[in-house]
Every structure is written in C-alpha cells, then in structure tokens.
Amino acid sequence: MRRNVSSNNTAVDLNSTATEKTFEIPEDCKSEFIKAMKIGYYKEFHKQGLITDEQLEQLIALQNDNAKKAA
C-alpha cells in the first residue's frame, strides 16, 4: 500500500544554514523522565532474557522507592 508521503526527508536538511534547535526537558520533569527511561531499559533487558521476572520487579520497585524519597 502506498501512502501519500513526501519523498523529501524534512527531518534532515543538509543544505540548511540555520542554527540547530535543541530539546530540553524542564527541571521539574527531569527526574520522572529519567525514571521512565530506566524502567524502559529494564523492561527491554527482561524482554531479551537478560534479567528474570523477579529482578525486573525489584528494579521497578527500586525506581518507585527512589522517586518517593526524592519527592
């Protein structure tokens, strides 16, 4: 199935001379973002069989405990 999608990659413009835009996470959201990233990594490790169900649960609980202590 063909979709009506432009063949030009608008995400990367090699001829652009404009300054690069950066993405910054607000300070009040940074700890929640880091927690979510860590849990995502843990789930991926579990999916690949690198950690057990129990280890996954412990790591997620540890992240939740750390978030409560920081609050």
PDB file of N, CA and C in Angstrom:
ATOM      1  N   MET A   1       0.833  -1.165   0.000  1.00  0.00           N
ATOM      2  CA  MET A   1       0.000   0.000   0.000  1.00  0.00           C
ATOM      3  C   MET A   1       0.886   1.239   0.000  1.00  0.00           C
ATOM      4  N   ARG A   2       0.655   2.133  -0.886  1.00  0.00           N
ATOM      5  CA  ARG A   2       1.447   3.353  -0.981  1.00  0.00           C
ATOM      6  C   ARG A   2       0.699   4.506  -0.331  1.00  0.00           C
ATOM      7  N   ARG A   3       1.417   5.236   0.470  1.00  0.00           N
ATOM      8  CA  ARG A   3       0.822   6.378   1.147  1.00  0.00           C
ATOM      9  C   ARG A   3       1.303   7.655   0.487  1.00  0.00           C
ATOM     10  N   ASN A   4       0.558   8.692   0.659  1.00  0.00           N
ATOM     11  CA  ASN A   4       0.945   9.995   0.129  1.00  0.00           C
ATOM     12  C   ASN A   4       1.934  10.658   1.081  1.00  0.00           C
ATOM     13  N   VAL A   5       3.182  10.245   0.960  1.00  0.00           N
ATOM     14  CA  VAL A   5       4.234  10.756   1.810  1.00  0.00           C
ATOM     15  C   VAL A   5       5.298  11.378   0.921  1.00  0.00           C
ATOM     16  N   SER A   6       5.740  12.548   1.299  1.00  0.00           N
ATOM     17  CA  SER A   6       6.769  13.231   0.532  1.00  0.00           C
ATOM     18  C   SER A   6       8.053  12.421   0.538  1.00  0.00           C
ATOM     19  N   SER A   7       8.737  12.401  -0.586  1.00  0.00           N
ATOM     20  CA  SER A   7       9.990  11.663  -0.657  1.00  0.00           C
ATOM     21  C   SER A   7      11.149  12.455  -0.050  1.00  0.00           C
ATOM     22  N   ASN A   8      10.928  13.708   0.235  1.00  0.00           N
ATOM     23  CA  ASN A   8      11.958  14.527   0.883  1.00  0.00           C
ATOM     24  C   ASN A   8      11.939  14.277   2.380  1.00  0.00           C
ATOM     25  N   ASN A   9      13.100  14.125   2.955  1.00  0.00           N
ATOM     26  CA  ASN A   9      13.205  13.941   4.398  1.00  0.00           C
ATOM     27  C   ASN A   9      13.238  15.310   5.046  1.00  0.00           C
ATOM     28  N   THR A  10      12.155  15.700   5.661  1.00  0.00           N
ATOM     29  CA  THR A  10      12.089  17.023   6.270  1.00  0.00           C
ATOM     30  C   THR A  10      12.790  17.080   7.617  1.00  0.00           C
ATOM     31  N   ALA A  11      13.093  15.915   8.188  1.00  0.00           N
ATOM     32  CA  ALA A  11      13.766  15.891   9.480  1.00  0.00           C
ATOM     33  C   ALA A  11      15.237  16.267   9.346  1.00  0.00           C
ATOM     34  N   VAL A  12      15.836  15.991   8.199  1.00  0.00           N
ATOM     35  CA  VAL A  12      17.242  16.280   7.981  1.00  0.00           C
ATOM     36  C   VAL A  12      17.374  17.118   6.720  1.00  0.00           C
ATOM     37  N   ASP A  13      17.827  18.329   6.901  1.00  0.00           N
ATOM     38  CA  ASP A  13      18.035  19.218   5.767  1.00  0.00           C
ATOM     39  C   ASP A  13      19.517  19.544   5.714  1.00  0.00           C
ATOM     40  N   LEU A  14      20.245  18.861   4.837  1.00  0.00           N
ATOM     41  CA  LEU A  14      21.694  19.019   4.774  1.00  0.00           C
ATOM     42  C   LEU A  14      22.118  20.392   4.260  1.00  0.00           C
ATOM     43  N   ASN A  15      21.250  21.064   3.542  1.00  0.00           N
ATOM     44  CA  ASN A  15      21.594  22.369   2.984  1.00  0.00           C
ATOM     45  C   ASN A  15      21.204  23.519   3.901  1.00  0.00           C
ATOM     46  N   SER A  16      20.687  23.217   5.061  1.00  0.00           N
ATOM     47  CA  SER A  16      20.217  24.249   5.970  1.00  0.00           C
ATOM     48  C   SER A  16      21.399  24.944   6.634  1.00  0.00           C
ATOM     49  N   THR A  17      21.324  26.261   6.709  1.00  0.00           N
ATOM     50  CA  THR A  17      22.361  27.027   7.395  1.00  0.00           C
ATOM     51  C   THR A  17      21.841  27.591   8.699  1.00  0.00           C
ATOM     52  N   ALA A  18      20.597  27.262   9.044  1.00  0.00           N
ATOM     53  CA  ALA A  18      20.014  27.749  10.293  1.00  0.00           C
ATOM     54  C   ALA A  18      20.688  27.074  11.477  1.00  0.00           C
ATOM     55  N   THR A  19      20.601  27.717  12.632  1.00  0.00           N
ATOM     56  CA  THR A  19      21.200  27.134  13.830  1.00  0.00           C
ATOM     57  C   THR A  19      20.409  25.913  14.242  1.00  0.00           C
ATOM     58  N   GLU A  20      21.091  25.000  14.904  1.00  0.00           N
ATOM     59  CA  GLU A  20      20.444  23.778  15.348  1.00  0.00           C
ATOM     60  C   GLU A  20      19.525  24.078  16.519  1.00  0.00           C
ATOM     61  N   LYS A  21      18.381  23.424  16.541  1.00  0.00           N
ATOM     62  CA  LYS A  21      17.458  23.563  17.654  1.00  0.00           C
ATOM     63  C   LYS A  21      17.713  22.421  18.618  1.00  0.00           C
ATOM     64  N   THR A  22      17.659  22.716  19.890  1.00  0.00           N
ATOM     65  CA  THR A  22      17.866  21.682  20.892  1.00  0.00           C
ATOM     66  C   THR A  22      16.578  21.459  21.664  1.00  0.00           C
ATOM     67  N   PHE A  23      16.475  20.294  22.226  1.00  0.00           N
ATOM     68  CA  PHE A  23      15.325  19.919  23.035  1.00  0.00           C
ATOM     69  C   PHE A  23      15.791  19.812  24.468  1.00  0.00           C
ATOM     70  N   GLU A  24      15.135  20.513  25.364  1.00  0.00           N
ATOM     71  CA  GLU A  24      15.488  20.440  26.771  1.00  0.00           C
ATOM     72  C   GLU A  24      14.282  20.012  27.579  1.00  0.00           C
ATOM     73  N   ILE A  25      14.539  19.159  28.552  1.00  0.00           N
ATOM     74  CA  ILE A  25      13.480  18.690  29.435  1.00  0.00           C
ATOM     75  C   ILE A  25      13.425  19.641  30.627  1.00  0.00           C
ATOM     76  N   PRO A  26      12.252  20.160  30.956  1.00  0.00           N
ATOM     77  CA  PRO A  26      12.145  21.054  32.108  1.00  0.00           C
ATOM     78  C   PRO A  26      12.629  20.365  33.384  1.00  0.00           C
ATOM     79  N   GLU A  27      13.228  21.137  34.275  1.00  0.00           N
ATOM     80  CA  GLU A  27      13.791  20.589  35.510  1.00  0.00           C
ATOM     81  C   GLU A  27      12.755  19.830  36.329  1.00  0.00           C
ATOM     82  N   ASP A  28      11.519  20.324  36.369  1.00  0.00           N
ATOM     83  CA  ASP A  28      10.503  19.666  37.186  1.00  0.00           C
ATOM     84  C   ASP A  28      10.073  18.315  36.614  1.00  0.00           C
ATOM     85  N   CYS A  29      10.391  18.036  35.365  1.00  0.00           N
ATOM     86  CA  CYS A  29      10.026  16.755  34.737  1.00  0.00           C
ATOM     87  C   CYS A  29      11.224  15.822  34.571  1.00  0.00           C
ATOM     88  N   LYS A  30      12.417  16.320  34.824  1.00  0.00           N
ATOM     89  CA  LYS A  30      13.630  15.559  34.526  1.00  0.00           C
ATOM     90  C   LYS A  30      13.714  14.239  35.294  1.00  0.00           C
ATOM     91  N   SER A  31      13.386  14.258  36.590  1.00  0.00           N
ATOM     92  CA  SER A  31      13.502  13.023  37.382  1.00  0.00           C
ATOM     93  C   SER A  31      12.484  11.981  36.921  1.00  0.00           C
ATOM     94  N   GLU A  32      11.268  12.412  36.572  1.00  0.00           N
ATOM     95  CA  GLU A  32      10.266  11.474  36.064  1.00  0.00           C
ATOM     96  C   GLU A  32      10.685  10.899  34.715  1.00  0.00           C
ATOM     97  N   PHE A  33      11.301  11.716  33.882  1.00  0.00           N
ATOM     98  CA  PHE A  33      11.772  11.254  32.583  1.00  0.00           C
ATOM     99  C   PHE A  33      12.869  10.207  32.762  1.00  0.00           C
ATOM    100  N   ILE A  34      13.810  10.472  33.638  1.00  0.00           N
ATOM    101  CA  ILE A  34      14.911   9.533  33.886  1.00  0.00           C
ATOM    102  C   ILE A  34      14.367   8.225  34.443  1.00  0.00           C
ATOM    103  N   LYS A  35      13.397   8.311  35.366  1.00  0.00           N
ATOM    104  CA  LYS A  35      12.768   7.111  35.927  1.00  0.00           C
ATOM    105  C   LYS A  35      12.116   6.286  34.821  1.00  0.00           C
ATOM    106  N   ALA A  36      11.369   6.940  33.940  1.00  0.00           N
ATOM    107  CA  ALA A  36      10.696   6.234  32.845  1.00  0.00           C
ATOM    108  C   ALA A  36      11.707   5.593  31.897  1.00  0.00           C
ATOM    109  N   MET A  37      12.806   6.281  31.631  1.00  0.00           N
ATOM    110  CA  MET A  37      13.838   5.715  30.759  1.00  0.00           C
ATOM    111  C   MET A  37      14.456   4.469  31.384  1.00  0.00           C
ATOM    112  N   LYS A  38      14.775   4.543  32.667  1.00  0.00           N
ATOM    113  CA  LYS A  38      15.370   3.391  33.348  1.00  0.00           C
ATOM    114  C   LYS A  38      14.427   2.192  33.322  1.00  0.00           C
ATOM    115  N   ILE A  39      13.151   2.430  33.636  1.00  0.00           N
ATOM    116  CA  ILE A  39      12.181   1.334  33.624  1.00  0.00           C
ATOM    117  C   ILE A  39      12.060   0.751  32.221  1.00  0.00           C
ATOM    118  N   GLY A  40      12.114   1.598  31.214  1.00  0.00           N
ATOM    119  CA  GLY A  40      12.082   1.117  29.828  1.00  0.00           C
ATOM    120  C   GLY A  40      13.274   0.228  29.515  1.00  0.00           C
ATOM    121  N   TYR A  41      14.453   0.633  29.983  1.00  0.00           N
ATOM    122  CA  TYR A  41      15.642  -0.205  29.792  1.00  0.00           C
ATOM    123  C   TYR A  41      15.473  -1.538  30.505  1.00  0.00           C
ATOM    124  N   TYR A  42      14.971  -1.509  31.733  1.00  0.00           N
ATOM    125  CA  TYR A  42      14.782  -2.746  32.487  1.00  0.00           C
ATOM    126  C   TYR A  42      13.829  -3.686  31.765  1.00  0.00           C
ATOM    127  N   LYS A  43      12.741  -3.142  31.235  1.00  0.00           N
ATOM    128  CA  LYS A  43      11.772  -3.971  30.516  1.00  0.00           C
ATOM    129  C   LYS A  43      12.389  -4.564  29.253  1.00  0.00           C
ATOM    130  N   GLU A  44      13.236  -3.796  28.589  1.00  0.00           N
ATOM    131  CA  GLU A  44      13.911  -4.316  27.392  1.00  0.00           C
ATOM    132  C   GLU A  44      14.895  -5.427  27.774  1.00  0.00           C
ATOM    133  N   PHE A  45      15.617  -5.256  28.880  1.00  0.00           N
ATOM    134  CA  PHE A  45      16.520  -6.312  29.355  1.00  0.00           C
ATOM    135  C   PHE A  45      15.730  -7.583  29.652  1.00  0.00           C
ATOM    136  N   HIS A  46      14.563  -7.422  30.273  1.00  0.00           N
ATOM    137  CA  HIS A  46      13.707  -8.568  30.587  1.00  0.00           C
ATOM    138  C   HIS A  46      13.222  -9.242  29.314  1.00  0.00           C
ATOM    139  N   LYS A  47      12.825  -8.440  28.355  1.00  0.00           N
ATOM    140  CA  LYS A  47      12.340  -8.970  27.076  1.00  0.00           C
ATOM    141  C   LYS A  47      13.421  -9.795  26.377  1.00  0.00           C
ATOM    142  N   GLN A  48      14.671  -9.352  26.515  1.00  0.00           N
ATOM    143  CA  GLN A  48      15.789 -10.064  25.887  1.00  0.00           C
ATOM    144  C   GLN A  48      16.268 -11.249  26.723  1.00  0.00           C
ATOM    145  N   GLY A  49      15.682 -11.431  27.891  1.00  0.00           N
ATOM    146  CA  GLY A  49      16.052 -12.551  28.742  1.00  0.00           C
ATOM    147  C   GLY A  49      17.298 -12.300  29.572  1.00  0.00           C
ATOM    148  N   LEU A  50      17.694 -11.051  29.708  1.00  0.00           N
ATOM    149  CA  LEU A  50      18.903 -10.741  30.473  1.00  0.00           C
ATOM    150  C   LEU A  50      18.644 -10.651  31.971  1.00  0.00           C
ATOM    151  N   ILE A  51      17.391 -10.389  32.351  1.00  0.00           N
ATOM    152  CA  ILE A  51      17.019 -10.382  33.766  1.00  0.00           C
ATOM    153  C   ILE A  51      15.725 -11.175  33.932  1.00  0.00           C
ATOM    154  N   THR A  52      15.528 -11.685  35.145  1.00  0.00           N
ATOM    155  CA  THR A  52      14.356 -12.511  35.440  1.00  0.00           C
ATOM    156  C   THR A  52      13.155 -11.632  35.794  1.00  0.00           C
ATOM    157  N   ASP A  53      11.982 -12.271  35.913  1.00  0.00           N
ATOM    158  CA  ASP A  53      10.768 -11.560  36.331  1.00  0.00           C
ATOM    159  C   ASP A  53      10.975 -10.894  37.693  1.00  0.00           C
ATOM    160  N   GLU A  54      11.565 -11.628  38.600  1.00  0.00           N
ATOM    161  CA  GLU A  54      11.799 -11.118  39.952  1.00  0.00           C
ATOM    162  C   GLU A  54      12.747  -9.915  39.932  1.00  0.00           C
ATOM    163  N   GLN A  55      13.812 -10.009  39.142  1.00  0.00           N
ATOM    164  CA  GLN A  55      14.750  -8.890  39.044  1.00  0.00           C
ATOM    165  C   GLN A  55      14.073  -7.652  38.455  1.00  0.00           C
ATOM    166  N   LEU A  56      13.235  -7.863  37.453  1.00  0.00           N
ATOM    167  CA  LEU A  56      12.502  -6.755  36.855  1.00  0.00           C
ATOM    168  C   LEU A  56      11.625  -6.075  37.894  1.00  0.00           C
ATOM    169  N   GLU A  57      10.875  -6.861  38.642  1.00  0.00           N
ATOM    170  CA  GLU A  57      10.001  -6.304  39.674  1.00  0.00           C
ATOM    171  C   GLU A  57      10.798  -5.527  40.724  1.00  0.00           C
ATOM    172  N   GLN A  58      11.957  -6.069  41.123  1.00  0.00           N
ATOM    173  CA  GLN A  58      12.789  -5.401  42.118  1.00  0.00           C
ATOM    174  C   GLN A  58      13.328  -4.075  41.590  1.00  0.00           C
ATOM    175  N   LEU A  59      13.764  -4.060  40.335  1.00  0.00           N
ATOM    176  CA  LEU A  59      14.316  -2.837  39.760  1.00  0.00           C
ATOM    177  C   LEU A  59      13.243  -1.751  39.611  1.00  0.00           C
ATOM    178  N   ILE A  60      12.050  -2.157  39.201  1.00  0.00           N
ATOM    179  CA  ILE A  60      10.960  -1.184  39.074  1.00  0.00           C
ATOM    180  C   ILE A  60      10.572  -0.658  40.448  1.00  0.00           C
ATOM    181  N   ALA A  61      10.499  -1.540  41.435  1.00  0.00           N
ATOM    182  CA  ALA A  61      10.172  -1.114  42.801  1.00  0.00           C
ATOM    183  C   ALA A  61      11.232  -0.153  43.330  1.00  0.00           C
ATOM    184  N   LEU A  62      12.475  -0.430  43.019  1.00  0.00           N
ATOM    185  CA  LEU A  62      13.567   0.452  43.443  1.00  0.00           C
ATOM    186  C   LEU A  62      13.414   1.844  42.835  1.00  0.00           C
ATOM    187  N   GLN A  63      13.044   1.918  41.573  1.00  0.00           N
ATOM    188  CA  GLN A  63      12.837   3.217  40.930  1.00  0.00           C
ATOM    189  C   GLN A  63      11.666   3.948  41.575  1.00  0.00           C
ATOM    190  N   ASN A  64      10.602   3.222  41.876  1.00  0.00           N
ATOM    191  CA  ASN A  64       9.436   3.848  42.514  1.00  0.00           C
ATOM    192  C   ASN A  64       9.779   4.344  43.913  1.00  0.00           C
ATOM    193  N   ASP A  65      10.585   3.563  44.651  1.00  0.00           N
ATOM    194  CA  ASP A  65      11.013   3.982  46.003  1.00  0.00           C
ATOM    195  C   ASP A  65      11.886   5.222  45.927  1.00  0.00           C
ATOM    196  N   ASN A  66      12.801   5.252  44.962  1.00  0.00           N
ATOM    197  CA  ASN A  66      13.690   6.400  44.812  1.00  0.00           C
ATOM    198  C   ASN A  66      12.906   7.658  44.458  1.00  0.00           C
ATOM    199  N   ALA A  67      11.866   7.504  43.655  1.00  0.00           N
ATOM    200  CA  ALA A  67      11.041   8.659  43.267  1.00  0.00           C
ATOM    201  C   ALA A  67      10.291   9.202  44.474  1.00  0.00           C
ATOM    202  N   LYS A  68       9.829   8.302  45.351  1.00  0.00           N
ATOM    203  CA  LYS A  68       9.120   8.742  46.564  1.00  0.00           C
ATOM    204  C   LYS A  68      10.058   9.483  47.516  1.00  0.00           C
ATOM    205  N   LYS A  69      11.291   8.992  47.621  1.00  0.00           N
ATOM    206  CA  LYS A  69      12.269   9.639  48.517  1.00  0.00           C
ATOM    207  C   LYS A  69      12.650  11.023  48.016  1.00  0.00           C
ATOM    208  N   ALA A  70      12.714  11.184  46.704  1.00  0.00           N
ATOM    209  CA  ALA A  70      13.108  12.460  46.118  1.00  0.00           C
ATOM    210  C   ALA A  70      12.003  13.506  46.257  1.00  0.00           C
ATOM    211  N   ALA A  71      10.766  13.047  46.396  1.00  0.00           N
ATOM    212  CA  ALA A  71       9.630  13.985  46.481  1.00  0.00           C
ATOM    213  C   ALA A  71       9.489  14.624  47.830  1.00  0.00           C
TER     214      ALA A  71
END
